[in-house]
């Protein structure tokens, strides 16, 4: 497995653990629909929370969450819609982003951006 794929998997594991410790019930990870994927689908209070995990193992010019562009949002929204329909879930959906970045000492820092985008942002 390529090093960036291993780091991505580690970041998703950290994000899932982070959410679970905050009381989120993880329903599924790496949910696929056609060629699209959702990193984490969880339930929190009375919401379904769809979380995109973005990680960087190095400093970049853009923040990881900036990589969640209109095309990615559309992909996540379509996949979430399929997940909700396929599982016959009738709850409100919130779209979050979790970023994982090393700090100056190399320790990984998690930032949880709740309600990072809306389904209409995909249009």
PDB file of N, CA and C in Angstrom:
ATOM      1  N   UNK A   1       0.850  -1.180   0.000  1.00  0.00           N
ATOM      2  CA  UNK A   1       0.000   0.000   0.000  1.00  0.00           C
ATOM      3  C   UNK A   1       0.889   1.235   0.000  1.00  0.00           C
ATOM      4  N   UNK A   2       0.555   2.205  -0.809  1.00  0.00           N
ATOM      5  CA  UNK A   2       1.333   3.440  -0.884  1.00  0.00           C
ATOM      6  C   UNK A   2       1.290   4.172   0.453  1.00  0.00           C
ATOM      7  N   UNK A   3       2.364   4.915   0.738  1.00  0.00           N
ATOM      8  CA  UNK A   3       2.469   5.610   2.017  1.00  0.00           C
ATOM      9  C   UNK A   3       1.316   6.581   2.249  1.00  0.00           C
ATOM     10  N   UNK A   4       0.890   7.305   1.194  1.00  0.00           N
ATOM     11  CA  UNK A   4      -0.221   8.252   1.379  1.00  0.00           C
ATOM     12  C   UNK A   4      -1.526   7.518   1.668  1.00  0.00           C
ATOM     13  N   UNK A   5      -1.696   6.297   1.117  1.00  0.00           N
ATOM     14  CA  UNK A   5      -2.891   5.511   1.416  1.00  0.00           C
ATOM     15  C   UNK A   5      -2.883   5.036   2.870  1.00  0.00           C
ATOM     16  N   UNK A   6      -1.706   4.667   3.357  1.00  0.00           N
ATOM     17  CA  UNK A   6      -1.592   4.244   4.754  1.00  0.00           C
ATOM     18  C   UNK A   6      -1.896   5.412   5.688  1.00  0.00           C
ATOM     19  N   UNK A   7      -1.396   6.600   5.344  1.00  0.00           N
ATOM     20  CA  UNK A   7      -1.670   7.775   6.171  1.00  0.00           C
ATOM     21  C   UNK A   7      -3.152   8.124   6.127  1.00  0.00           C
ATOM     22  N   UNK A   8      -3.762   7.994   4.954  1.00  0.00           N
ATOM     23  CA  UNK A   8      -5.202   8.243   4.827  1.00  0.00           C
ATOM     24  C   UNK A   8      -6.013   7.289   5.684  1.00  0.00           C
ATOM     25  N   UNK A   9      -5.623   6.033   5.711  1.00  0.00           N
ATOM     26  CA  UNK A   9      -6.309   5.023   6.539  1.00  0.00           C
ATOM     27  C   UNK A   9      -6.130   5.362   8.017  1.00  0.00           C
ATOM     28  N   UNK A  10      -4.914   5.743   8.406  1.00  0.00           N
ATOM     29  CA  UNK A  10      -4.665   6.142   9.791  1.00  0.00           C
ATOM     30  C   UNK A  10      -5.535   7.343  10.157  1.00  0.00           C
ATOM     31  N   UNK A  11      -5.612   8.329   9.268  1.00  0.00           N
ATOM     32  CA  UNK A  11      -6.428   9.522   9.526  1.00  0.00           C
ATOM     33  C   UNK A  11      -7.900   9.158   9.693  1.00  0.00           C
ATOM     34  N   UNK A  12      -8.407   8.243   8.855  1.00  0.00           N
ATOM     35  CA  UNK A  12      -9.804   7.820   8.976  1.00  0.00           C
ATOM     36  C   UNK A  12     -10.029   7.074  10.286  1.00  0.00           C
ATOM     37  N   UNK A  13      -9.070   6.247  10.700  1.00  0.00           N
ATOM     38  CA  UNK A  13      -9.178   5.549  11.990  1.00  0.00           C
ATOM     39  C   UNK A  13      -9.220   6.552  13.137  1.00  0.00           C
ATOM     40  N   UNK A  14      -8.334   7.545  13.086  1.00  0.00           N
ATOM     41  CA  UNK A  14      -8.311   8.576  14.129  1.00  0.00           C
ATOM     42  C   UNK A  14      -9.623   9.356  14.153  1.00  0.00           C
ATOM     43  N   UNK A  15     -10.137   9.689  12.983  1.00  0.00           N
ATOM     44  CA  UNK A  15     -11.395  10.438  12.895  1.00  0.00           C
ATOM     45  C   UNK A  15     -12.558   9.625  13.463  1.00  0.00           C
ATOM     46  N   UNK A  16     -12.626   8.351  13.116  1.00  0.00           N
ATOM     47  CA  UNK A  16     -13.703   7.490  13.627  1.00  0.00           C
ATOM     48  C   UNK A  16     -13.615   7.369  15.150  1.00  0.00           C
ATOM     49  N   UNK A  17     -12.406   7.192  15.681  1.00  0.00           N
ATOM     50  CA  UNK A  17     -12.224   7.117  17.136  1.00  0.00           C
ATOM     51  C   UNK A  17     -12.623   8.430  17.797  1.00  0.00           C
ATOM     52  N   UNK A  18     -12.238   9.542  17.180  1.00  0.00           N
ATOM     53  CA  UNK A  18     -12.574  10.868  17.684  1.00  0.00           C
ATOM     54  C   UNK A  18     -14.090  11.038  17.784  1.00  0.00           C
ATOM     55  N   UNK A  19     -14.797  10.670  16.704  1.00  0.00           N
ATOM     56  CA  UNK A  19     -16.256  10.788  16.700  1.00  0.00           C
ATOM     57  C   UNK A  19     -16.895   9.875  17.741  1.00  0.00           C
ATOM     58  N   UNK A  20     -16.411   8.642  17.819  1.00  0.00           N
ATOM     59  CA  UNK A  20     -16.967   7.684  18.784  1.00  0.00           C
ATOM     60  C   UNK A  20     -16.807   8.214  20.211  1.00  0.00           C
ATOM     61  N   UNK A  21     -15.672   8.808  20.514  1.00  0.00           N
ATOM     62  CA  UNK A  21     -15.443   9.357  21.858  1.00  0.00           C
ATOM     63  C   UNK A  21     -16.348  10.547  22.150  1.00  0.00           C
ATOM     64  N   UNK A  22     -16.814  11.235  21.103  1.00  0.00           N
ATOM     65  CA  UNK A  22     -17.743  12.359  21.271  1.00  0.00           C
ATOM     66  C   UNK A  22     -19.201  11.887  21.319  1.00  0.00           C
ATOM     67  N   UNK A  23     -19.420  10.571  21.247  1.00  0.00           N
ATOM     68  CA  UNK A  23     -20.776  10.044  21.351  1.00  0.00           C
ATOM     69  C   UNK A  23     -21.454   9.727  20.037  1.00  0.00           C
ATOM     70  N   UNK A  24     -20.731   9.806  18.937  1.00  0.00           N
ATOM     71  CA  UNK A  24     -21.285   9.454  17.635  1.00  0.00           C
ATOM     72  C   UNK A  24     -21.290   7.931  17.510  1.00  0.00           C
ATOM     73  N   UNK A  25     -22.361   7.408  16.954  1.00  0.00           N
ATOM     74  CA  UNK A  25     -22.442   5.969  16.678  1.00  0.00           C
ATOM     75  C   UNK A  25     -22.030   5.767  15.221  1.00  0.00           C
ATOM     76  N   UNK A  26     -20.914   5.103  15.012  1.00  0.00           N
ATOM     77  CA  UNK A  26     -20.427   4.864  13.653  1.00  0.00           C
ATOM     78  C   UNK A  26     -21.306   3.792  13.010  1.00  0.00           C
ATOM     79  N   UNK A  27     -21.950   4.157  11.898  1.00  0.00           N
ATOM     80  CA  UNK A  27     -22.825   3.215  11.190  1.00  0.00           C
ATOM     81  C   UNK A  27     -22.060   2.457  10.121  1.00  0.00           C
ATOM     82  N   UNK A  28     -21.213   3.163   9.384  1.00  0.00           N
ATOM     83  CA  UNK A  28     -20.449   2.518   8.317  1.00  0.00           C
ATOM     84  C   UNK A  28     -19.252   3.391   7.971  1.00  0.00           C
ATOM     85  N   UNK A  29     -18.185   2.726   7.542  1.00  0.00           N
ATOM     86  CA  UNK A  29     -17.003   3.436   7.054  1.00  0.00           C
ATOM     87  C   UNK A  29     -16.751   3.029   5.614  1.00  0.00           C
ATOM     88  N   UNK A  30     -16.248   3.956   4.844  1.00  0.00           N
ATOM     89  CA  UNK A  30     -15.907   3.714   3.442  1.00  0.00           C
ATOM     90  C   UNK A  30     -17.088   3.149   2.657  1.00  0.00           C
ATOM     91  N   UNK A  31     -18.230   3.811   2.796  1.00  0.00           N
ATOM     92  CA  UNK A  31     -19.436   3.399   2.062  1.00  0.00           C
ATOM     93  C   UNK A  31     -19.285   3.793   0.608  1.00  0.00           C
ATOM     94  N   UNK A  32     -19.496   2.830  -0.273  1.00  0.00           N
ATOM     95  CA  UNK A  32     -19.315   3.065  -1.709  1.00  0.00           C
ATOM     96  C   UNK A  32     -20.647   2.992  -2.465  1.00  0.00           C
ATOM     97  N   UNK A  33     -20.755   3.891  -3.434  1.00  0.00           N
ATOM     98  CA  UNK A  33     -21.876   3.895  -4.375  1.00  0.00           C
ATOM     99  C   UNK A  33     -21.287   4.257  -5.722  1.00  0.00           C
ATOM    100  N   UNK A  34     -21.404   3.327  -6.660  1.00  0.00           N
ATOM    101  CA  UNK A  34     -20.766   3.479  -7.972  1.00  0.00           C
ATOM    102  C   UNK A  34     -19.282   3.750  -7.741  1.00  0.00           C
ATOM    103  N   UNK A  35     -18.761   4.836  -8.236  1.00  0.00           N
ATOM    104  CA  UNK A  35     -17.339   5.126  -8.019  1.00  0.00           C
ATOM    105  C   UNK A  35     -17.129   6.205  -6.943  1.00  0.00           C
ATOM    106  N   UNK A  36     -18.151   6.457  -6.144  1.00  0.00           N
ATOM    107  CA  UNK A  36     -18.091   7.456  -5.082  1.00  0.00           C
ATOM    108  C   UNK A  36     -17.917   6.769  -3.732  1.00  0.00           C
ATOM    109  N   UNK A  37     -17.434   7.531  -2.760  1.00  0.00           N
ATOM    110  CA  UNK A  37     -17.236   6.977  -1.420  1.00  0.00           C
ATOM    111  C   UNK A  37     -17.466   8.041  -0.357  1.00  0.00           C
ATOM    112  N   UNK A  38     -18.045   7.589   0.755  1.00  0.00           N
ATOM    113  CA  UNK A  38     -18.166   8.404   1.960  1.00  0.00           C
ATOM    114  C   UNK A  38     -17.230   7.771   2.987  1.00  0.00           C
ATOM    115  N   UNK A  39     -16.408   8.602   3.629  1.00  0.00           N
ATOM    116  CA  UNK A  39     -15.453   8.068   4.589  1.00  0.00           C
ATOM    117  C   UNK A  39     -16.134   7.498   5.828  1.00  0.00           C
ATOM    118  N   UNK A  40     -17.014   8.286   6.443  1.00  0.00           N
ATOM    119  CA  UNK A  40     -17.679   7.841   7.684  1.00  0.00           C
ATOM    120  C   UNK A  40     -19.134   8.300   7.658  1.00  0.00           C
ATOM    121  N   UNK A  41     -20.043   7.372   7.981  1.00  0.00           N
ATOM    122  CA  UNK A  41     -21.446   7.717   8.216  1.00  0.00           C
ATOM    123  C   UNK A  41     -21.723   7.356   9.671  1.00  0.00           C
ATOM    124  N   UNK A  42     -22.225   8.328  10.419  1.00  0.00           N
ATOM    125  CA  UNK A  42     -22.508   8.086  11.830  1.00  0.00           C
ATOM    126  C   UNK A  42     -23.863   8.673  12.196  1.00  0.00           C
ATOM    127  N   UNK A  43     -24.267   8.349  13.403  1.00  0.00           N
ATOM    128  CA  UNK A  43     -25.515   8.896  13.936  1.00  0.00           C
ATOM    129  C   UNK A  43     -25.170   9.644  15.214  1.00  0.00           C
ATOM    130  N   UNK A  44     -25.699  10.849  15.336  1.00  0.00           N
ATOM    131  CA  UNK A  44     -25.461  11.665  16.519  1.00  0.00           C
ATOM    132  C   UNK A  44     -26.744  12.393  16.855  1.00  0.00           C
ATOM    133  N   UNK A  45     -27.208  12.170  18.073  1.00  0.00           N
ATOM    134  CA  UNK A  45     -28.497  12.689  18.492  1.00  0.00           C
ATOM    135  C   UNK A  45     -29.529  12.198  17.479  1.00  0.00           C
ATOM    136  N   UNK A  46     -30.227  13.072  16.793  1.00  0.00           N
ATOM    137  CA  UNK A  46     -31.225  12.600  15.832  1.00  0.00           C
ATOM    138  C   UNK A  46     -30.804  12.905  14.398  1.00  0.00           C
ATOM    139  N   UNK A  47     -29.495  12.959  14.170  1.00  0.00           N
ATOM    140  CA  UNK A  47     -28.957  13.280  12.852  1.00  0.00           C
ATOM    141  C   UNK A  47     -28.157  12.119  12.283  1.00  0.00           C
ATOM    142  N   UNK A  48     -28.119  12.048  10.978  1.00  0.00           N
ATOM    143  CA  UNK A  48     -27.134  11.223  10.289  1.00  0.00           C
ATOM    144  C   UNK A  48     -26.022  12.185   9.894  1.00  0.00           C
ATOM    145  N   UNK A  49     -24.799  11.853  10.269  1.00  0.00           N
ATOM    146  CA  UNK A  49     -23.663  12.725   9.999  1.00  0.00           C
ATOM    147  C   UNK A  49     -22.748  12.035   8.995  1.00  0.00           C
ATOM    148  N   UNK A  50     -22.584  12.675   7.860  1.00  0.00           N
ATOM    149  CA  UNK A  50     -21.703  12.193   6.798  1.00  0.00           C
ATOM    150  C   UNK A  50     -20.402  12.979   6.924  1.00  0.00           C
ATOM    151  N   UNK A  51     -19.297  12.264   7.124  1.00  0.00           N
ATOM    152  CA  UNK A  51     -18.029  12.926   7.391  1.00  0.00           C
ATOM    153  C   UNK A  51     -16.997  12.598   6.326  1.00  0.00           C
ATOM    154  N   UNK A  52     -16.436  13.636   5.759  1.00  0.00           N
ATOM    155  CA  UNK A  52     -15.317  13.525   4.819  1.00  0.00           C
ATOM    156  C   UNK A  52     -14.042  13.789   5.619  1.00  0.00           C
ATOM    157  N   UNK A  53     -13.087  12.874   5.518  1.00  0.00           N
ATOM    158  CA  UNK A  53     -11.822  13.014   6.235  1.00  0.00           C
ATOM    159  C   UNK A  53     -10.755  13.470   5.247  1.00  0.00           C
ATOM    160  N   UNK A  54     -10.077  14.542   5.598  1.00  0.00           N
ATOM    161  CA  UNK A  54      -8.991  15.063   4.771  1.00  0.00           C
ATOM    162  C   UNK A  54      -7.743  15.145   5.632  1.00  0.00           C
ATOM    163  N   UNK A  55      -6.662  14.578   5.127  1.00  0.00           N
ATOM    164  CA  UNK A  55      -5.420  14.535   5.890  1.00  0.00           C
ATOM    165  C   UNK A  55      -4.246  14.932   5.011  1.00  0.00           C
ATOM    166  N   UNK A  56      -3.286  15.538   5.643  1.00  0.00           N
ATOM    167  CA  UNK A  56      -2.033  15.873   4.984  1.00  0.00           C
ATOM    168  C   UNK A  56      -0.916  15.518   5.957  1.00  0.00           C
ATOM    169  N   UNK A  57       0.119  14.878   5.449  1.00  0.00           N
ATOM    170  CA  UNK A  57       1.257  14.529   6.303  1.00  0.00           C
ATOM    171  C   UNK A  57       2.346  15.588   6.226  1.00  0.00           C
ATOM    172  N   UNK A  58       2.054  16.680   5.545  1.00  0.00           N
ATOM    173  CA  UNK A  58       3.035  17.746   5.339  1.00  0.00           C
ATOM    174  C   UNK A  58       2.298  19.068   5.181  1.00  0.00           C
ATOM    175  N   UNK A  59       3.030  20.137   5.275  1.00  0.00           N
ATOM    176  CA  UNK A  59       2.437  21.462   5.056  1.00  0.00           C
ATOM    177  C   UNK A  59       2.135  21.650   3.581  1.00  0.00           C
ATOM    178  N   UNK A  60       0.993  22.215   3.294  1.00  0.00           N
ATOM    179  CA  UNK A  60       0.625  22.530   1.923  1.00  0.00           C
ATOM    180  C   UNK A  60       0.172  23.983   1.857  1.00  0.00           C
ATOM    181  N   UNK A  61       0.007  24.463   0.659  1.00  0.00           N
ATOM    182  CA  UNK A  61      -0.435  25.840   0.498  1.00  0.00           C
ATOM    183  C   UNK A  61      -1.907  26.011   0.820  1.00  0.00           C
ATOM    184  N   UNK A  62      -2.683  24.923   0.686  1.00  0.00           N
ATOM    185  CA  UNK A  62      -4.116  25.011   0.989  1.00  0.00           C
ATOM    186  C   UNK A  62      -4.430  24.130   2.192  1.00  0.00           C
ATOM    187  N   UNK A  63      -5.441  24.517   2.906  1.00  0.00           N
ATOM    188  CA  UNK A  63      -5.907  23.704   4.026  1.00  0.00           C
ATOM    189  C   UNK A  63      -6.571  22.440   3.484  1.00  0.00           C
ATOM    190  N   UNK A  64      -6.500  21.330   4.207  1.00  0.00           N
ATOM    191  CA  UNK A  64      -7.098  20.087   3.695  1.00  0.00           C
ATOM    192  C   UNK A  64      -8.571  20.216   3.334  1.00  0.00           C
ATOM    193  N   UNK A  65      -9.338  20.958   4.128  1.00  0.00           N
ATOM    194  CA  UNK A  65     -10.767  21.095   3.854  1.00  0.00           C
ATOM    195  C   UNK A  65     -11.029  21.827   2.548  1.00  0.00           C
ATOM    196  N   UNK A  66     -10.058  22.597   2.070  1.00  0.00           N
ATOM    197  CA  UNK A  66     -10.225  23.290   0.797  1.00  0.00           C
ATOM    198  C   UNK A  66     -10.225  22.316  -0.380  1.00  0.00           C
ATOM    199  N   UNK A  67      -9.766  21.092  -0.142  1.00  0.00           N
ATOM    200  CA  UNK A  67      -9.789  20.058  -1.182  1.00  0.00           C
ATOM    201  C   UNK A  67     -11.198  19.507  -1.386  1.00  0.00           C
ATOM    202  N   UNK A  68     -12.115  19.851  -0.496  1.00  0.00           N
ATOM    203  CA  UNK A  68     -13.513  19.438  -0.649  1.00  0.00           C
ATOM    204  C   UNK A  68     -14.181  20.493  -1.522  1.00  0.00           C
ATOM    205  N   UNK A  69     -14.004  20.314  -2.820  1.00  0.00           N
ATOM    206  CA  UNK A  69     -14.517  21.269  -3.797  1.00  0.00           C
ATOM    207  C   UNK A  69     -15.937  20.900  -4.211  1.00  0.00           C
ATOM    208  N   UNK A  70     -16.491  21.683  -5.127  1.00  0.00           N
ATOM    209  CA  UNK A  70     -17.869  21.481  -5.566  1.00  0.00           C
ATOM    210  C   UNK A  70     -18.086  20.065  -6.120  1.00  0.00           C
ATOM    211  N   UNK A  71     -17.130  19.567  -6.872  1.00  0.00           N
ATOM    212  CA  UNK A  71     -17.240  18.217  -7.438  1.00  0.00           C
ATOM    213  C   UNK A  71     -17.284  17.152  -6.343  1.00  0.00           C
ATOM    214  N   UNK A  72     -16.400  17.298  -5.326  1.00  0.00           N
ATOM    215  CA  UNK A  72     -16.370  16.344  -4.221  1.00  0.00           C
ATOM    216  C   UNK A  72     -17.665  16.432  -3.414  1.00  0.00           C
ATOM    217  N   UNK A  73     -18.148  17.644  -3.195  1.00  0.00           N
ATOM    218  CA  UNK A  73     -19.406  17.815  -2.457  1.00  0.00           C
ATOM    219  C   UNK A  73     -20.537  17.098  -3.192  1.00  0.00           C
ATOM    220  N   UNK A  74     -20.600  17.279  -4.505  1.00  0.00           N
ATOM    221  CA  UNK A  74     -21.647  16.623  -5.290  1.00  0.00           C
ATOM    222  C   UNK A  74     -21.548  15.108  -5.146  1.00  0.00           C
ATOM    223  N   UNK A  75     -20.360  14.569  -5.188  1.00  0.00           N
ATOM    224  CA  UNK A  75     -20.139  13.130  -5.036  1.00  0.00           C
ATOM    225  C   UNK A  75     -20.612  12.643  -3.659  1.00  0.00           C
ATOM    226  N   UNK A  76     -20.236  13.372  -2.611  1.00  0.00           N
ATOM    227  CA  UNK A  76     -20.613  12.993  -1.247  1.00  0.00           C
ATOM    228  C   UNK A  76     -22.126  13.067  -1.077  1.00  0.00           C
ATOM    229  N   UNK A  77     -22.744  14.119  -1.589  1.00  0.00           N
ATOM    230  CA  UNK A  77     -24.197  14.288  -1.464  1.00  0.00           C
ATOM    231  C   UNK A  77     -24.938  13.160  -2.195  1.00  0.00           C
ATOM    232  N   UNK A  78     -24.516  12.837  -3.403  1.00  0.00           N
ATOM    233  CA  UNK A  78     -25.159  11.756  -4.160  1.00  0.00           C
ATOM    234  C   UNK A  78     -25.024  10.425  -3.434  1.00  0.00           C
ATOM    235  N   UNK A  79     -23.851  10.168  -2.887  1.00  0.00           N
ATOM    236  CA  UNK A  79     -23.624   8.913  -2.176  1.00  0.00           C
ATOM    237  C   UNK A  79     -24.441   8.867  -0.892  1.00  0.00           C
ATOM    238  N   UNK A  80     -24.525   9.990  -0.197  1.00  0.00           N
ATOM    239  CA  UNK A  80     -25.340  10.056   1.017  1.00  0.00           C
ATOM    240  C   UNK A  80     -26.808   9.827   0.698  1.00  0.00           C
ATOM    241  N   UNK A  81     -27.277  10.401  -0.395  1.00  0.00           N
ATOM    242  CA  UNK A  81     -28.667  10.209  -0.804  1.00  0.00           C
ATOM    243  C   UNK A  81     -28.945   8.729  -1.060  1.00  0.00           C
ATOM    244  N   UNK A  82     -28.021   8.071  -1.764  1.00  0.00           N
ATOM    245  CA  UNK A  82     -28.192   6.638  -2.012  1.00  0.00           C
ATOM    246  C   UNK A  82     -28.185   5.860  -0.694  1.00  0.00           C
ATOM    247  N   UNK A  83     -27.254   6.188   0.213  1.00  0.00           N
ATOM    248  CA  UNK A  83     -27.175   5.509   1.510  1.00  0.00           C
ATOM    249  C   UNK A  83     -28.493   5.631   2.269  1.00  0.00           C
ATOM    250  N   UNK A  84     -29.038   6.846   2.317  1.00  0.00           N
ATOM    251  CA  UNK A  84     -30.282   7.082   3.055  1.00  0.00           C
ATOM    252  C   UNK A  84     -31.444   6.313   2.438  1.00  0.00           C
ATOM    253  N   UNK A  85     -31.541   6.328   1.124  1.00  0.00           N
ATOM    254  CA  UNK A  85     -32.619   5.620   0.429  1.00  0.00           C
ATOM    255  C   UNK A  85     -32.464   4.117   0.578  1.00  0.00           C
ATOM    256  N   UNK A  86     -31.258   3.623   0.349  1.00  0.00           N
ATOM    257  CA  UNK A  86     -30.987   2.191   0.403  1.00  0.00           C
ATOM    258  C   UNK A  86     -31.243   1.615   1.795  1.00  0.00           C
ATOM    259  N   UNK A  87     -30.981   2.410   2.822  1.00  0.00           N
ATOM    260  CA  UNK A  87     -31.168   1.949   4.202  1.00  0.00           C
ATOM    261  C   UNK A  87     -32.489   2.417   4.806  1.00  0.00           C
ATOM    262  N   UNK A  88     -33.324   3.036   3.993  1.00  0.00           N
ATOM    263  CA  UNK A  88     -34.647   3.516   4.404  1.00  0.00           C
ATOM    264  C   UNK A  88     -34.578   4.336   5.696  1.00  0.00           C
ATOM    265  N   UNK A  89     -33.658   5.283   5.697  1.00  0.00           N
ATOM    266  CA  UNK A  89     -33.480   6.168   6.844  1.00  0.00           C
ATOM    267  C   UNK A  89     -34.104   7.515   6.510  1.00  0.00           C
ATOM    268  N   UNK A  90     -34.965   7.981   7.401  1.00  0.00           N
ATOM    269  CA  UNK A  90     -35.630   9.263   7.198  1.00  0.00           C
ATOM    270  C   UNK A  90     -35.249  10.195   8.351  1.00  0.00           C
ATOM    271  N   UNK A  91     -34.029  10.704   8.287  1.00  0.00           N
ATOM    272  CA  UNK A  91     -33.523  11.639   9.290  1.00  0.00           C
ATOM    273  C   UNK A  91     -32.799  12.764   8.565  1.00  0.00           C
ATOM    274  N   UNK A  92     -32.627  13.853   9.274  1.00  0.00           N
ATOM    275  CA  UNK A  92     -31.857  14.961   8.725  1.00  0.00           C
ATOM    276  C   UNK A  92     -30.392  14.546   8.597  1.00  0.00           C
ATOM    277  N   UNK A  93     -29.741  15.044   7.551  1.00  0.00           N
ATOM    278  CA  UNK A  93     -28.337  14.727   7.298  1.00  0.00           C
ATOM    279  C   UNK A  93     -27.502  15.986   7.469  1.00  0.00           C
ATOM    280  N   UNK A  94     -26.379  15.819   8.154  1.00  0.00           N
ATOM    281  CA  UNK A  94     -25.416  16.909   8.294  1.00  0.00           C
ATOM    282  C   UNK A  94     -24.103  16.458   7.661  1.00  0.00           C
ATOM    283  N   UNK A  95     -23.432  17.371   6.988  1.00  0.00           N
ATOM    284  CA  UNK A  95     -22.170  17.068   6.319  1.00  0.00           C
ATOM    285  C   UNK A  95     -21.028  17.749   7.067  1.00  0.00           C
ATOM    286  N   UNK A  96     -20.107  16.945   7.579  1.00  0.00           N
ATOM    287  CA  UNK A  96     -18.958  17.431   8.338  1.00  0.00           C
ATOM    288  C   UNK A  96     -17.661  17.126   7.593  1.00  0.00           C
ATOM    289  N   UNK A  97     -16.622  17.814   7.983  1.00  0.00           N
ATOM    290  CA  UNK A  97     -15.269  17.513   7.517  1.00  0.00           C
ATOM    291  C   UNK A  97     -14.388  17.384   8.748  1.00  0.00           C
ATOM    292  N   UNK A  98     -13.543  16.367   8.755  1.00  0.00           N
ATOM    293  CA  UNK A  98     -12.510  16.245   9.782  1.00  0.00           C
ATOM    294  C   UNK A  98     -11.169  16.329   9.077  1.00  0.00           C
ATOM    295  N   UNK A  99     -10.309  17.222   9.583  1.00  0.00           N
ATOM    296  CA  UNK A  99      -8.965  17.320   9.033  1.00  0.00           C
ATOM    297  C   UNK A  99      -7.975  16.745  10.035  1.00  0.00           C
ATOM    298  N   UNK A 100      -6.927  16.131   9.495  1.00  0.00           N
ATOM    299  CA  UNK A 100      -5.859  15.572  10.317  1.00  0.00           C
ATOM    300  C   UNK A 100      -4.544  16.122   9.751  1.00  0.00           C
ATOM    301  N   UNK A 101      -3.858  16.871  10.590  1.00  0.00           N
ATOM    302  CA  UNK A 101      -2.600  17.511  10.188  1.00  0.00           C
ATOM    303  C   UNK A 101      -1.562  17.371  11.299  1.00  0.00           C
ATOM    304  N   UNK A 102      -0.301  17.227  10.930  1.00  0.00           N
ATOM    305  CA  UNK A 102       0.734  17.227  11.972  1.00  0.00           C
ATOM    306  C   UNK A 102       0.990  18.647  12.456  1.00  0.00           C
ATOM    307  N   UNK A 103       1.257  18.771  13.767  1.00  0.00           N
ATOM    308  CA  UNK A 103       1.660  20.086  14.277  1.00  0.00           C
ATOM    309  C   UNK A 103       3.176  20.205  14.134  1.00  0.00           C
ATOM    310  N   UNK A 104       3.768  21.232  14.712  1.00  0.00           N
ATOM    311  CA  UNK A 104       5.206  21.475  14.551  1.00  0.00           C
ATOM    312  C   UNK A 104       6.061  20.364  15.151  1.00  0.00           C
ATOM    313  N   UNK A 105       5.490  19.625  16.110  1.00  0.00           N
ATOM    314  CA  UNK A 105       6.243  18.528  16.724  1.00  0.00           C
ATOM    315  C   UNK A 105       6.010  17.209  15.994  1.00  0.00           C
ATOM    316  N   UNK A 106       5.080  17.214  15.036  1.00  0.00           N
ATOM    317  CA  UNK A 106       4.767  15.992  14.311  1.00  0.00           C
ATOM    318  C   UNK A 106       3.561  15.252  14.858  1.00  0.00           C
ATOM    319  N   UNK A 107       3.035  15.709  15.993  1.00  0.00           N
ATOM    320  CA  UNK A 107       1.837  15.092  16.567  1.00  0.00           C
ATOM    321  C   UNK A 107       0.642  15.430  15.686  1.00  0.00           C
ATOM    322  N   UNK A 108      -0.226  14.456  15.475  1.00  0.00           N
ATOM    323  CA  UNK A 108      -1.382  14.662  14.608  1.00  0.00           C
ATOM    324  C   UNK A 108      -2.484  15.408  15.349  1.00  0.00           C
ATOM    325  N   UNK A 109      -2.985  16.441  14.709  1.00  0.00           N
ATOM    326  CA  UNK A 109      -4.051  17.273  15.264  1.00  0.00           C
ATOM    327  C   UNK A 109      -5.330  17.075  14.458  1.00  0.00           C
ATOM    328  N   UNK A 110      -6.434  16.896  15.163  1.00  0.00           N
ATOM    329  CA  UNK A 110      -7.729  16.679  14.527  1.00  0.00           C
ATOM    330  C   UNK A 110      -8.568  17.942  14.685  1.00  0.00           C
ATOM    331  N   UNK A 111      -9.149  18.371  13.574  1.00  0.00           N
ATOM    332  CA  UNK A 111     -10.094  19.488  13.598  1.00  0.00           C
ATOM    333  C   UNK A 111     -11.412  18.994  13.019  1.00  0.00           C
ATOM    334  N   UNK A 112     -12.489  19.188  13.762  1.00  0.00           N
ATOM    335  CA  UNK A 112     -13.826  18.748  13.344  1.00  0.00           C
ATOM    336  C   UNK A 112     -14.625  19.978  12.932  1.00  0.00           C
ATOM    337  N   UNK A 113     -14.960  20.030  11.658  1.00  0.00           N
ATOM    338  CA  UNK A 113     -15.754  21.140  11.127  1.00  0.00           C
ATOM    339  C   UNK A 113     -17.178  20.624  10.934  1.00  0.00           C
ATOM    340  N   UNK A 114     -18.051  20.979  11.864  1.00  0.00           N
ATOM    341  CA  UNK A 114     -19.442  20.541  11.786  1.00  0.00           C
ATOM    342  C   UNK A 114     -20.197  21.392  10.776  1.00  0.00           C
ATOM    343  N   UNK A 115     -21.142  20.743  10.090  1.00  0.00           N
ATOM    344  CA  UNK A 115     -21.991  21.441   9.128  1.00  0.00           C
ATOM    345  C   UNK A 115     -21.132  22.212   8.115  1.00  0.00           C
ATOM    346  N   UNK A 116     -20.133  21.506   7.574  1.00  0.00           N
ATOM    347  CA  UNK A 116     -19.128  22.117   6.698  1.00  0.00           C
ATOM    348  C   UNK A 116     -19.701  22.557   5.359  1.00  0.00           C
ATOM    349  N   UNK A 117     -20.720  21.847   4.898  1.00  0.00           N
ATOM    350  CA  UNK A 117     -21.374  22.234   3.658  1.00  0.00           C
ATOM    351  C   UNK A 117     -22.789  21.676   3.642  1.00  0.00           C
ATOM    352  N   UNK A 118     -23.598  22.210   2.745  1.00  0.00           N
ATOM    353  CA  UNK A 118     -24.992  21.799   2.595  1.00  0.00           C
ATOM    354  C   UNK A 118     -25.165  21.032   1.290  1.00  0.00           C
ATOM    355  N   UNK A 119     -26.219  20.281   1.176  1.00  0.00           N
ATOM    356  CA  UNK A 119     -26.457  19.523  -0.055  1.00  0.00           C
ATOM    357  C   UNK A 119     -26.629  20.460  -1.257  1.00  0.00           C
ATOM    358  N   UNK A 120     -27.173  21.656  -1.015  1.00  0.00           N
ATOM    359  CA  UNK A 120     -27.350  22.582  -2.144  1.00  0.00           C
ATOM    360  C   UNK A 120     -26.023  23.168  -2.606  1.00  0.00           C
ATOM    361  N   UNK A 121     -24.935  23.001  -1.823  1.00  0.00           N
ATOM    362  CA  UNK A 121     -23.613  23.453  -2.263  1.00  0.00           C
ATOM    363  C   UNK A 121     -23.106  22.607  -3.441  1.00  0.00           C
ATOM    364  N   UNK A 122     -23.748  21.470  -3.667  1.00  0.00           N
ATOM    365  CA  UNK A 122     -23.343  20.577  -4.751  1.00  0.00           C
ATOM    366  C   UNK A 122     -23.828  21.071  -6.107  1.00  0.00           C
ATOM    367  N   UNK A 123     -24.778  22.000  -6.124  1.00  0.00           N
ATOM    368  CA  UNK A 123     -25.335  22.500  -7.387  1.00  0.00           C
ATOM    369  C   UNK A 123     -24.457  23.551  -8.013  1.00  0.00           C
TER     370      UNK A 123
END
